[in-house]
Amino acid sequence: MLPERSCVGCRQVLDAGSLVRVRVGSDGLIVGAGPGRGAWVGPSQDCVALAGKRRAFGRSLRVEVNADWVAKLISQWPMQPPACPHGGC
């Protein structure tokens, strides 16, 4: 059983395998696993846009998120949730 996470956009609780993890990198928001605090967002572009509108990325990541970062992330969407590193999730 996968852990449950809340989408920062629509606020729906889903298993972590259904969501995409977003974190802050040197050049903005980065999708995928890595060090540091992460925010979970649904694979829908609407979820990403809603999270940007609600300023939810900034609250979840505890940094000031530039509007350009959110726009860049939306332009790169749709994203698929990353494959499980364990191979069987």
C-alpha atoms as a PDB file:
ATOM      1  CA  MET A   1       0.000   0.000   0.000  1.00  0.00           C
ATOM      2  CA  LEU A   2       1.357   3.386  -1.017  1.00  0.00           C
ATOM      3  CA  PRO A   3       1.327   6.369   1.346  1.00  0.00           C
ATOM      4  CA  GLU A   4      -1.358   8.970   0.756  1.00  0.00           C
ATOM      5  CA  ARG A   5      -0.605  12.578  -0.134  1.00  0.00           C
ATOM      6  CA  SER A   6      -2.752  15.653  -0.776  1.00  0.00           C
ATOM      7  CA  CYS A   7      -2.653  17.491  -4.090  1.00  0.00           C
ATOM      8  CA  VAL A   8      -1.685  21.118  -3.421  1.00  0.00           C
ATOM      9  CA  GLY A   9      -3.951  22.195  -6.281  1.00  0.00           C
ATOM     10  CA  CYS A  10      -7.295  20.433  -5.867  1.00  0.00           C
ATOM     11  CA  ARG A  11      -6.560  19.237  -2.287  1.00  0.00           C
ATOM     12  CA  GLN A  12      -7.763  15.721  -3.088  1.00  0.00           C
ATOM     13  CA  VAL A  13      -6.094  12.937  -1.088  1.00  0.00           C
ATOM     14  CA  LEU A  14      -4.615  10.260  -3.372  1.00  0.00           C
ATOM     15  CA  ASP A  15      -1.904   7.632  -3.128  1.00  0.00           C
ATOM     16  CA  ALA A  16       1.588   8.961  -3.800  1.00  0.00           C
ATOM     17  CA  GLY A  17       1.831   6.936  -7.024  1.00  0.00           C
ATOM     18  CA  SER A  18      -0.979   8.990  -8.570  1.00  0.00           C
ATOM     19  CA  LEU A  19       0.653  12.351  -7.847  1.00  0.00           C
ATOM     20  CA  VAL A  20       3.757  14.126  -9.097  1.00  0.00           C
ATOM     21  CA  ARG A  21       6.342  15.494  -6.651  1.00  0.00           C
ATOM     22  CA  VAL A  22       7.576  19.029  -7.297  1.00  0.00           C
ATOM     23  CA  ARG A  23      10.575  20.577  -5.541  1.00  0.00           C
ATOM     24  CA  VAL A  24      12.671  23.716  -5.839  1.00  0.00           C
ATOM     25  CA  GLY A  25      15.900  23.560  -7.807  1.00  0.00           C
ATOM     26  CA  SER A  26      18.482  26.111  -8.862  1.00  0.00           C
ATOM     27  CA  ASP A  27      16.411  27.222 -11.859  1.00  0.00           C
ATOM     28  CA  GLY A  28      12.861  26.943 -10.539  1.00  0.00           C
ATOM     29  CA  LEU A  29      10.419  24.133  -9.910  1.00  0.00           C
ATOM     30  CA  ILE A  30      11.670  20.635 -10.705  1.00  0.00           C
ATOM     31  CA  VAL A  31       9.570  17.490 -11.094  1.00  0.00           C
ATOM     32  CA  GLY A  32      10.685  14.281  -9.426  1.00  0.00           C
ATOM     33  CA  ALA A  33      12.507  12.919  -6.437  1.00  0.00           C
ATOM     34  CA  GLY A  34      15.421  14.725  -4.891  1.00  0.00           C
ATOM     35  CA  PRO A  35      16.607  16.411  -1.743  1.00  0.00           C
ATOM     36  CA  GLY A  36      14.580  18.947   0.142  1.00  0.00           C
ATOM     37  CA  ARG A  37      10.952  19.721   0.745  1.00  0.00           C
ATOM     38  CA  GLY A  38       8.473  18.628  -1.891  1.00  0.00           C
ATOM     39  CA  ALA A  39       4.917  19.469  -2.882  1.00  0.00           C
ATOM     40  CA  TRP A  40       2.589  16.896  -4.414  1.00  0.00           C
ATOM     41  CA  VAL A  41       0.340  17.815  -7.328  1.00  0.00           C
ATOM     42  CA  GLY A  42      -2.069  15.841  -9.483  1.00  0.00           C
ATOM     43  CA  PRO A  43      -1.105  14.933 -13.051  1.00  0.00           C
ATOM     44  CA  SER A  44      -3.786  17.284 -14.415  1.00  0.00           C
ATOM     45  CA  GLN A  45      -2.719  20.674 -15.771  1.00  0.00           C
ATOM     46  CA  ASP A  46      -5.733  22.113 -13.934  1.00  0.00           C
ATOM     47  CA  CYS A  47      -4.228  21.008 -10.611  1.00  0.00           C
ATOM     48  CA  VAL A  48      -0.947  22.754 -11.418  1.00  0.00           C
ATOM     49  CA  ALA A  49      -2.716  25.946 -12.502  1.00  0.00           C
ATOM     50  CA  LEU A  50      -4.909  25.924  -9.398  1.00  0.00           C
ATOM     51  CA  ALA A  51      -1.886  25.393  -7.149  1.00  0.00           C
ATOM     52  CA  GLY A  52      -0.203  28.379  -8.797  1.00  0.00           C
ATOM     53  CA  LYS A  53      -3.311  30.534  -8.445  1.00  0.00           C
ATOM     54  CA  ARG A  54      -3.707  29.618  -4.773  1.00  0.00           C
ATOM     55  CA  ARG A  55       0.046  30.132  -4.153  1.00  0.00           C
ATOM     56  CA  ALA A  56       0.084  26.635  -2.722  1.00  0.00           C
ATOM     57  CA  PHE A  57       3.563  25.790  -4.031  1.00  0.00           C
ATOM     58  CA  GLY A  58       5.089  28.580  -1.957  1.00  0.00           C
ATOM     59  CA  ARG A  59       3.303  27.489   1.204  1.00  0.00           C
ATOM     60  CA  SER A  60       4.148  23.814   0.777  1.00  0.00           C
ATOM     61  CA  LEU A  61       7.759  24.384  -0.205  1.00  0.00           C
ATOM     62  CA  ARG A  62       8.262  27.219   2.298  1.00  0.00           C
ATOM     63  CA  VAL A  63       9.915  29.475  -0.252  1.00  0.00           C
ATOM     64  CA  GLU A  64       8.740  32.356  -2.382  1.00  0.00           C
ATOM     65  CA  VAL A  65       7.758  30.824  -5.712  1.00  0.00           C
ATOM     66  CA  ASN A  66       8.123  33.085  -8.724  1.00  0.00           C
ATOM     67  CA  ALA A  67       5.083  33.229 -11.044  1.00  0.00           C
ATOM     68  CA  ASP A  68       7.448  32.493 -13.959  1.00  0.00           C
ATOM     69  CA  TRP A  69       8.393  29.197 -12.313  1.00  0.00           C
ATOM     70  CA  VAL A  70       4.738  28.144 -12.229  1.00  0.00           C
ATOM     71  CA  ALA A  71       4.207  29.259 -15.845  1.00  0.00           C
ATOM     72  CA  LYS A  72       7.248  27.219 -16.935  1.00  0.00           C
ATOM     73  CA  LEU A  73       5.950  24.177 -15.061  1.00  0.00           C
ATOM     74  CA  ILE A  74       2.512  24.509 -16.690  1.00  0.00           C
ATOM     75  CA  SER A  75       4.112  24.778 -20.143  1.00  0.00           C
ATOM     76  CA  GLN A  76       5.963  21.481 -19.550  1.00  0.00           C
ATOM     77  CA  TRP A  77       2.785  19.662 -18.497  1.00  0.00           C
ATOM     78  CA  PRO A  78       1.298  17.018 -18.844  1.00  0.00           C
ATOM     79  CA  MET A  79       3.590  14.957 -16.705  1.00  0.00           C
ATOM     80  CA  GLN A  80       3.237  11.330 -15.806  1.00  0.00           C
ATOM     81  CA  PRO A  81       3.862  10.296 -12.221  1.00  0.00           C
ATOM     82  CA  PRO A  82       7.405   8.934 -11.980  1.00  0.00           C
ATOM     83  CA  ALA A  83       7.833   5.177 -12.029  1.00  0.00           C
ATOM     84  CA  CYS A  84       8.132   3.486  -8.673  1.00  0.00           C
ATOM     85  CA  PRO A  85      11.819   2.942  -7.807  1.00  0.00           C
ATOM     86  CA  HIS A  86      10.872  -0.404  -6.222  1.00  0.00           C
ATOM     87  CA  GLY A  87       9.494  -1.709  -9.510  1.00  0.00           C
ATOM     88  CA  GLY A  88       6.228  -3.075  -8.189  1.00  0.00           C
ATOM     89  CA  CYS A  89       4.154  -0.179  -6.940  1.00  0.00           C
END
